[in-house]
N, C-alpha and C. Protein backbone atom coordinates (compact mmCIF):
# COMPACT_ATOMS: atom_id res chain seq x y z
N MET A 1 12.45 -35.04 3.09
CA MET A 1 11.89 -36.11 3.65
C MET A 1 12.84 -37.53 3.23
N LYS A 2 12.86 -38.30 3.75
CA LYS A 2 13.80 -39.56 3.39
C LYS A 2 13.13 -40.48 2.44
N LEU A 3 13.19 -40.77 1.30
CA LEU A 3 12.53 -41.46 0.35
C LEU A 3 13.67 -42.76 -0.19
N LEU A 4 12.86 -43.58 -0.62
CA LEU A 4 13.72 -45.07 -1.29
C LEU A 4 12.84 -45.25 -2.22
N LEU A 5 13.39 -44.90 -3.37
CA LEU A 5 12.83 -45.45 -4.91
C LEU A 5 12.91 -46.56 -5.25
N ASP A 6 11.83 -47.23 -5.70
CA ASP A 6 11.87 -48.79 -6.27
C ASP A 6 12.73 -48.74 -7.36
N SER A 7 12.89 -49.83 -7.82
CA SER A 7 13.79 -50.00 -9.32
C SER A 7 12.87 -49.66 -10.35
N CYS A 8 11.76 -49.54 -10.38
CA CYS A 8 10.67 -49.23 -11.12
C CYS A 8 10.31 -47.95 -11.51
N VAL A 9 11.01 -46.98 -10.66
CA VAL A 9 10.80 -45.59 -10.71
C VAL A 9 12.03 -45.14 -11.51
N TRP A 10 11.37 -44.28 -12.52
CA TRP A 10 12.41 -43.32 -13.44
C TRP A 10 13.78 -43.27 -12.96
N GLY A 11 14.76 -43.48 -13.30
CA GLY A 11 16.25 -43.11 -12.71
C GLY A 11 16.30 -41.61 -12.65
N GLY A 12 15.83 -40.84 -13.40
CA GLY A 12 16.06 -39.37 -13.17
C GLY A 12 15.48 -38.76 -11.95
N ALA A 13 14.55 -39.49 -11.52
CA ALA A 13 13.56 -38.94 -10.42
C ALA A 13 14.71 -38.77 -9.17
N LEU A 14 15.48 -39.51 -9.03
CA LEU A 14 16.58 -39.61 -7.95
C LEU A 14 17.23 -38.16 -7.84
N GLU A 15 17.84 -37.60 -8.80
CA GLU A 15 18.44 -36.54 -8.87
C GLU A 15 17.37 -35.25 -8.71
N ALA A 16 16.39 -35.50 -9.32
CA ALA A 16 15.37 -34.29 -9.33
C ALA A 16 14.63 -34.12 -7.90
N LEU A 17 14.56 -35.31 -7.25
CA LEU A 17 14.06 -35.28 -5.85
C LEU A 17 15.08 -34.60 -4.91
N ARG A 18 16.45 -34.97 -5.11
CA ARG A 18 17.57 -34.39 -4.14
C ARG A 18 17.59 -33.08 -4.40
N LEU A 19 17.38 -32.34 -5.81
CA LEU A 19 17.46 -31.28 -6.13
C LEU A 19 16.21 -30.39 -5.27
N GLU A 20 15.17 -31.30 -4.66
CA GLU A 20 14.23 -30.46 -4.23
C GLU A 20 14.45 -30.53 -2.53
N GLY A 21 15.52 -31.21 -2.21
CA GLY A 21 16.05 -30.97 -0.84
C GLY A 21 15.85 -32.35 -0.07
N HIS A 22 15.23 -33.51 -0.81
CA HIS A 22 15.01 -34.62 0.10
C HIS A 22 16.26 -35.75 0.05
N ASP A 23 16.26 -36.53 1.06
CA ASP A 23 17.30 -37.36 1.12
C ASP A 23 17.07 -38.56 0.39
N VAL A 24 17.16 -39.16 -0.79
CA VAL A 24 16.79 -40.19 -1.76
C VAL A 24 17.78 -41.08 -1.80
N THR A 25 17.30 -42.48 -1.73
CA THR A 25 18.24 -43.59 -2.23
C THR A 25 17.51 -44.40 -3.10
N SER A 26 18.22 -45.08 -4.14
CA SER A 26 17.39 -45.92 -5.11
C SER A 26 17.80 -47.45 -5.38
N VAL A 27 16.74 -48.22 -5.13
CA VAL A 27 17.06 -49.87 -5.32
C VAL A 27 17.75 -49.97 -6.59
N GLY A 28 17.49 -49.23 -7.26
CA GLY A 28 18.54 -49.33 -8.73
C GLY A 28 20.05 -49.13 -8.68
N ALA A 29 20.28 -48.43 -7.68
CA ALA A 29 21.85 -48.33 -7.18
C ALA A 29 22.25 -49.64 -6.39
N TRP A 30 21.38 -50.36 -5.88
CA TRP A 30 21.71 -51.77 -5.28
C TRP A 30 22.54 -52.71 -6.06
N PRO A 31 23.33 -53.86 -5.64
CA PRO A 31 23.85 -54.61 -6.39
C PRO A 31 23.05 -55.51 -7.28
N SER A 32 21.75 -55.74 -6.26
CA SER A 32 20.68 -56.81 -7.07
C SER A 32 19.13 -56.34 -6.25
N ASP A 33 18.17 -56.55 -6.96
CA ASP A 33 16.95 -56.26 -6.21
C ASP A 33 16.56 -57.27 -5.47
N PRO A 34 16.52 -57.10 -4.05
CA PRO A 34 16.27 -58.12 -3.25
C PRO A 34 14.49 -58.56 -2.86
N GLY A 35 13.76 -57.75 -3.79
CA GLY A 35 12.31 -58.20 -3.44
C GLY A 35 11.62 -57.31 -2.59
N ASP A 36 10.44 -57.32 -2.75
CA ASP A 36 9.58 -55.93 -2.11
C ASP A 36 9.71 -56.31 -0.66
N GLU A 37 9.77 -57.44 0.12
CA GLU A 37 9.77 -57.56 1.45
C GLU A 37 11.14 -56.78 2.09
N ALA A 38 12.07 -57.23 1.44
CA ALA A 38 13.16 -56.80 1.78
C ALA A 38 13.42 -55.33 1.46
N ILE A 39 12.90 -54.90 0.51
CA ILE A 39 13.09 -53.18 0.27
C ILE A 39 12.33 -52.59 1.46
N LEU A 40 10.83 -53.04 1.75
CA LEU A 40 10.09 -52.63 2.48
C LEU A 40 10.93 -52.64 3.98
N GLN A 41 11.47 -53.44 4.29
CA GLN A 41 12.13 -53.69 5.61
C GLN A 41 13.39 -52.68 5.73
N VAL A 42 14.04 -52.42 4.47
CA VAL A 42 15.31 -51.48 4.55
C VAL A 42 14.71 -50.02 4.75
N ALA A 43 13.70 -49.91 4.00
CA ALA A 43 13.00 -48.36 4.10
C ALA A 43 12.58 -48.23 5.67
N PHE A 44 11.94 -49.27 6.13
CA PHE A 44 11.21 -49.14 7.60
C PHE A 44 12.54 -48.88 8.39
N ASP A 45 13.48 -49.58 8.38
CA ASP A 45 14.72 -49.66 9.19
C ASP A 45 15.14 -48.11 9.16
N GLU A 46 15.38 -47.62 7.85
CA GLU A 46 16.03 -46.25 7.64
C GLU A 46 15.06 -45.12 7.71
N GLY A 47 13.89 -45.57 8.07
CA GLY A 47 12.74 -44.57 8.20
C GLY A 47 12.46 -43.75 6.77
N ARG A 48 12.35 -44.53 5.53
CA ARG A 48 12.42 -43.84 4.25
C ARG A 48 11.01 -44.35 3.85
N VAL A 49 10.44 -43.44 3.13
CA VAL A 49 9.16 -43.42 2.67
C VAL A 49 9.57 -44.37 1.22
N VAL A 50 8.85 -45.38 0.98
CA VAL A 50 9.00 -46.25 -0.46
C VAL A 50 8.19 -45.48 -1.52
N VAL A 51 8.79 -45.20 -2.49
CA VAL A 51 8.12 -44.46 -3.77
C VAL A 51 8.22 -45.80 -5.03
N THR A 52 7.12 -46.10 -5.39
CA THR A 52 7.07 -47.11 -6.35
C THR A 52 5.84 -46.94 -7.37
N LEU A 53 5.96 -47.89 -8.30
CA LEU A 53 4.89 -47.96 -9.29
C LEU A 53 4.09 -49.26 -8.90
N ASP A 54 4.43 -49.96 -8.01
CA ASP A 54 4.03 -51.27 -7.71
C ASP A 54 2.98 -51.48 -6.71
N LYS A 55 1.90 -52.07 -6.70
CA LYS A 55 0.91 -52.20 -5.60
C LYS A 55 1.01 -53.36 -4.83
N ASP A 56 2.05 -54.08 -4.94
CA ASP A 56 2.49 -55.17 -4.02
C ASP A 56 2.81 -54.78 -2.83
N PHE A 57 3.34 -53.45 -2.66
CA PHE A 57 3.94 -52.89 -1.22
C PHE A 57 2.37 -52.68 -0.54
N GLY A 58 1.51 -52.23 -0.84
CA GLY A 58 0.30 -51.98 -0.44
C GLY A 58 -0.29 -53.51 0.23
N GLU A 59 -0.24 -54.32 -0.74
CA GLU A 59 -0.55 -55.64 -0.23
C GLU A 59 0.09 -56.07 0.94
N LEU A 60 1.43 -55.90 0.99
CA LEU A 60 2.36 -56.57 1.92
C LEU A 60 2.30 -55.66 3.22
N THR A 61 1.62 -54.66 3.34
CA THR A 61 1.53 -53.58 4.28
C THR A 61 -0.09 -53.58 4.95
N VAL A 62 -0.87 -53.75 4.11
CA VAL A 62 -2.38 -53.76 4.44
C VAL A 62 -2.86 -55.18 4.76
N ALA A 63 -2.43 -56.19 3.81
CA ALA A 63 -3.11 -57.58 4.01
C ALA A 63 -2.24 -58.29 4.90
N ARG A 64 -0.96 -58.20 4.99
CA ARG A 64 -0.01 -58.83 5.77
C ARG A 64 0.79 -58.20 6.83
N GLY A 65 0.29 -57.04 6.96
CA GLY A 65 0.62 -56.17 8.01
C GLY A 65 2.06 -55.99 8.46
N HIS A 66 2.84 -55.84 7.29
CA HIS A 66 4.36 -55.56 7.34
C HIS A 66 4.61 -54.21 7.62
N ALA A 67 5.24 -53.89 8.53
CA ALA A 67 5.79 -52.50 9.20
C ALA A 67 6.31 -51.64 7.94
N HIS A 68 6.03 -50.31 8.07
CA HIS A 68 6.60 -49.36 6.92
C HIS A 68 6.66 -48.07 7.31
N ALA A 69 7.45 -47.12 6.37
CA ALA A 69 7.29 -45.72 7.02
C ALA A 69 6.59 -44.83 6.14
N GLY A 70 5.78 -45.29 5.37
CA GLY A 70 4.90 -44.51 4.33
C GLY A 70 5.16 -45.20 2.96
N ILE A 71 4.36 -44.96 2.19
CA ILE A 71 4.48 -45.48 0.50
C ILE A 71 3.78 -44.34 -0.24
N ILE A 72 4.37 -44.08 -1.14
CA ILE A 72 3.80 -43.22 -2.35
C ILE A 72 4.00 -44.24 -3.56
N ARG A 73 2.64 -44.70 -4.05
CA ARG A 73 2.33 -45.36 -5.34
C ARG A 73 1.99 -44.33 -6.31
N LEU A 74 3.14 -44.32 -7.53
CA LEU A 74 2.76 -43.40 -8.57
C LEU A 74 1.77 -44.42 -9.55
N VAL A 75 0.78 -43.77 -10.13
CA VAL A 75 -0.08 -44.79 -10.92
C VAL A 75 -0.25 -43.91 -12.40
N GLY A 76 0.20 -44.34 -13.60
CA GLY A 76 -0.14 -43.80 -14.73
C GLY A 76 0.59 -42.35 -15.21
N LEU A 77 1.67 -42.50 -14.57
CA LEU A 77 2.37 -41.02 -14.67
C LEU A 77 3.37 -41.16 -15.73
N PRO A 78 3.69 -40.27 -16.82
CA PRO A 78 4.74 -40.23 -17.53
C PRO A 78 6.34 -40.39 -16.60
N ALA A 79 7.14 -41.20 -17.04
CA ALA A 79 8.30 -41.40 -16.21
C ALA A 79 8.96 -39.85 -15.86
N ARG A 80 8.95 -39.33 -16.94
CA ARG A 80 9.81 -37.80 -16.59
C ARG A 80 9.13 -36.98 -15.67
N ARG A 81 7.80 -37.44 -15.15
CA ARG A 81 7.00 -36.36 -14.45
C ARG A 81 6.56 -37.35 -13.28
N GLN A 82 7.30 -38.33 -12.98
CA GLN A 82 7.37 -39.03 -11.51
C GLN A 82 7.97 -38.17 -10.22
N ALA A 83 8.86 -37.78 -10.67
CA ALA A 83 9.53 -36.83 -9.46
C ALA A 83 8.67 -35.81 -9.15
N GLU A 84 8.21 -35.13 -9.94
CA GLU A 84 7.33 -33.82 -10.03
C GLU A 84 5.97 -33.95 -9.07
N TYR A 85 5.44 -35.34 -9.51
CA TYR A 85 4.44 -35.57 -9.02
C TYR A 85 4.65 -36.29 -7.30
N CYS A 86 5.72 -36.98 -7.22
CA CYS A 86 6.23 -37.35 -5.83
C CYS A 86 6.51 -36.14 -4.99
N ALA A 87 7.36 -35.18 -5.35
CA ALA A 87 7.60 -34.08 -4.56
C ALA A 87 6.28 -33.21 -4.17
N ALA A 88 5.20 -33.00 -5.28
CA ALA A 88 4.05 -32.57 -4.86
C ALA A 88 3.50 -33.11 -3.82
N ALA A 89 3.42 -34.33 -3.94
CA ALA A 89 2.54 -35.26 -2.79
C ALA A 89 3.27 -35.20 -1.61
N VAL A 90 4.62 -35.10 -1.40
CA VAL A 90 5.36 -35.03 -0.24
C VAL A 90 5.03 -33.61 0.37
N ALA A 91 5.06 -32.53 -0.33
CA ALA A 91 4.70 -31.05 0.02
C ALA A 91 3.58 -31.15 0.69
N THR A 92 2.60 -31.55 0.16
CA THR A 92 1.15 -31.60 0.55
C THR A 92 0.63 -32.70 1.69
N HIS A 93 1.48 -33.95 1.53
CA HIS A 93 0.80 -34.87 2.34
C HIS A 93 1.87 -35.27 3.29
N GLY A 94 2.90 -34.48 3.41
CA GLY A 94 4.05 -35.03 4.13
C GLY A 94 3.87 -35.59 5.78
N THR A 95 3.16 -34.89 6.32
CA THR A 95 2.50 -35.07 7.56
C THR A 95 1.77 -36.48 7.64
N ASP A 96 0.79 -36.84 6.62
CA ASP A 96 0.23 -38.11 6.40
C ASP A 96 1.19 -38.98 6.23
N LEU A 97 2.46 -38.91 5.61
CA LEU A 97 3.33 -40.21 5.30
C LEU A 97 4.06 -40.28 6.57
N THR A 98 4.64 -39.25 7.30
CA THR A 98 5.34 -39.56 8.56
C THR A 98 4.41 -40.35 9.51
N SER A 99 3.03 -40.26 9.52
CA SER A 99 2.37 -41.02 10.14
C SER A 99 2.19 -42.59 9.57
N GLY A 100 2.79 -42.76 8.67
CA GLY A 100 2.57 -44.22 7.94
C GLY A 100 1.61 -44.27 6.72
N ALA A 101 1.39 -43.05 6.29
CA ALA A 101 -0.07 -43.23 5.27
C ALA A 101 0.45 -43.96 4.00
N ILE A 102 -0.38 -44.38 3.04
CA ILE A 102 -0.05 -44.72 1.96
C ILE A 102 -0.63 -44.07 0.98
N LEU A 103 0.01 -43.42 0.09
CA LEU A 103 -0.33 -42.46 -0.73
C LEU A 103 -0.66 -43.06 -2.43
N THR A 104 -1.78 -42.81 -3.06
CA THR A 104 -1.74 -43.38 -4.48
C THR A 104 -2.00 -42.13 -5.00
N VAL A 105 -1.02 -41.86 -6.12
CA VAL A 105 -0.94 -40.66 -6.79
C VAL A 105 -1.19 -40.64 -8.23
N THR A 106 -2.21 -40.17 -8.82
CA THR A 106 -2.50 -39.89 -10.10
C THR A 106 -2.25 -38.74 -10.78
N SER A 107 -2.38 -38.23 -12.00
CA SER A 107 -2.34 -37.21 -12.40
C SER A 107 -3.27 -35.99 -12.27
N ASP A 108 -4.49 -36.55 -11.60
CA ASP A 108 -5.68 -35.60 -11.19
C ASP A 108 -6.02 -35.90 -9.67
N ARG A 109 -5.47 -36.59 -9.04
CA ARG A 109 -5.74 -37.07 -7.52
C ARG A 109 -4.85 -37.66 -6.50
N VAL A 110 -5.10 -37.45 -5.42
CA VAL A 110 -4.12 -38.29 -4.48
C VAL A 110 -5.07 -38.91 -3.65
N ARG A 111 -4.84 -40.49 -3.63
CA ARG A 111 -5.87 -40.94 -2.57
C ARG A 111 -4.89 -41.42 -1.31
N ILE A 112 -5.55 -41.19 -0.13
CA ILE A 112 -4.69 -41.38 1.32
C ILE A 112 -5.38 -42.47 1.90
N ARG A 113 -4.56 -43.44 2.19
CA ARG A 113 -4.84 -44.42 3.17
C ARG A 113 -4.14 -44.18 4.48
N ALA A 114 -4.50 -43.64 5.57
CA ALA A 114 -4.24 -43.18 6.85
C ALA A 114 -3.29 -44.50 7.28
N GLY A 115 -2.35 -43.91 8.19
CA GLY A 115 -1.42 -44.79 8.77
C GLY A 115 -1.75 -45.17 10.11
N ARG A 116 -1.12 -45.99 10.52
CA ARG A 116 -1.26 -46.44 12.20
C ARG A 116 -2.37 -45.67 12.79
């Protein structure tokens, strides 16, 4: 799956997710952070799921109607386990994500807000 990691996601998640076979880029590698709206637009344009710790992306898409290609929000997870939980969510809910779902992932559950 094509993923875009927000700058708040642990840096080691990039390589860990690549090793799982995903096409991953990171805002952390960009010259500067352009803000959530621009990140969301780049991800949408490239068909990438945004992976973040930030709930602002959900607000942009749900309350303000911004287009997106799926969002995974990681909540309360240790940094070094973020890639593991993200990969598991993608493996289990990839079809939901390709339909534009928003997943909220914690250590004990995944909440799915259906896409379009």
